[in-house]
Amino acid sequence: MHGIDLDRTADAAIACALREDVDGLVTLIRPLDAAELRRLVGRLAVRAAEGLEGWAADAGADHEQAVSMWQDAILRLERAREHDPGD
């Protein structure tokens, strides 16, 4: 392993995603081995959950409500995919 800094790499990956910079993201993850990539994916999932919980808390929601909002969003996405399977 290259000894990557997971937090900094996750920050860079999120920045690429926000800029819709696919080439930057590819450049970022290309040198990672499989174990590093799995750790990065896990870290990104944690960051997504933290972000959702922070947003939910700002909106006055508790943890269970945040989970419910996430589940509702996933169900809406699945329904949209059923209507437009082109994605």
Foldseek 3Di string as FASTA:
>chain_A
DPPDDLVVLLVQLVVCVVVVPPVSNCVSCVVDDPVSVVVNVVVNVVVVLVVLQVVCVVVVHHPVVSVVVVVVVVVVVVVVCVVPVPD
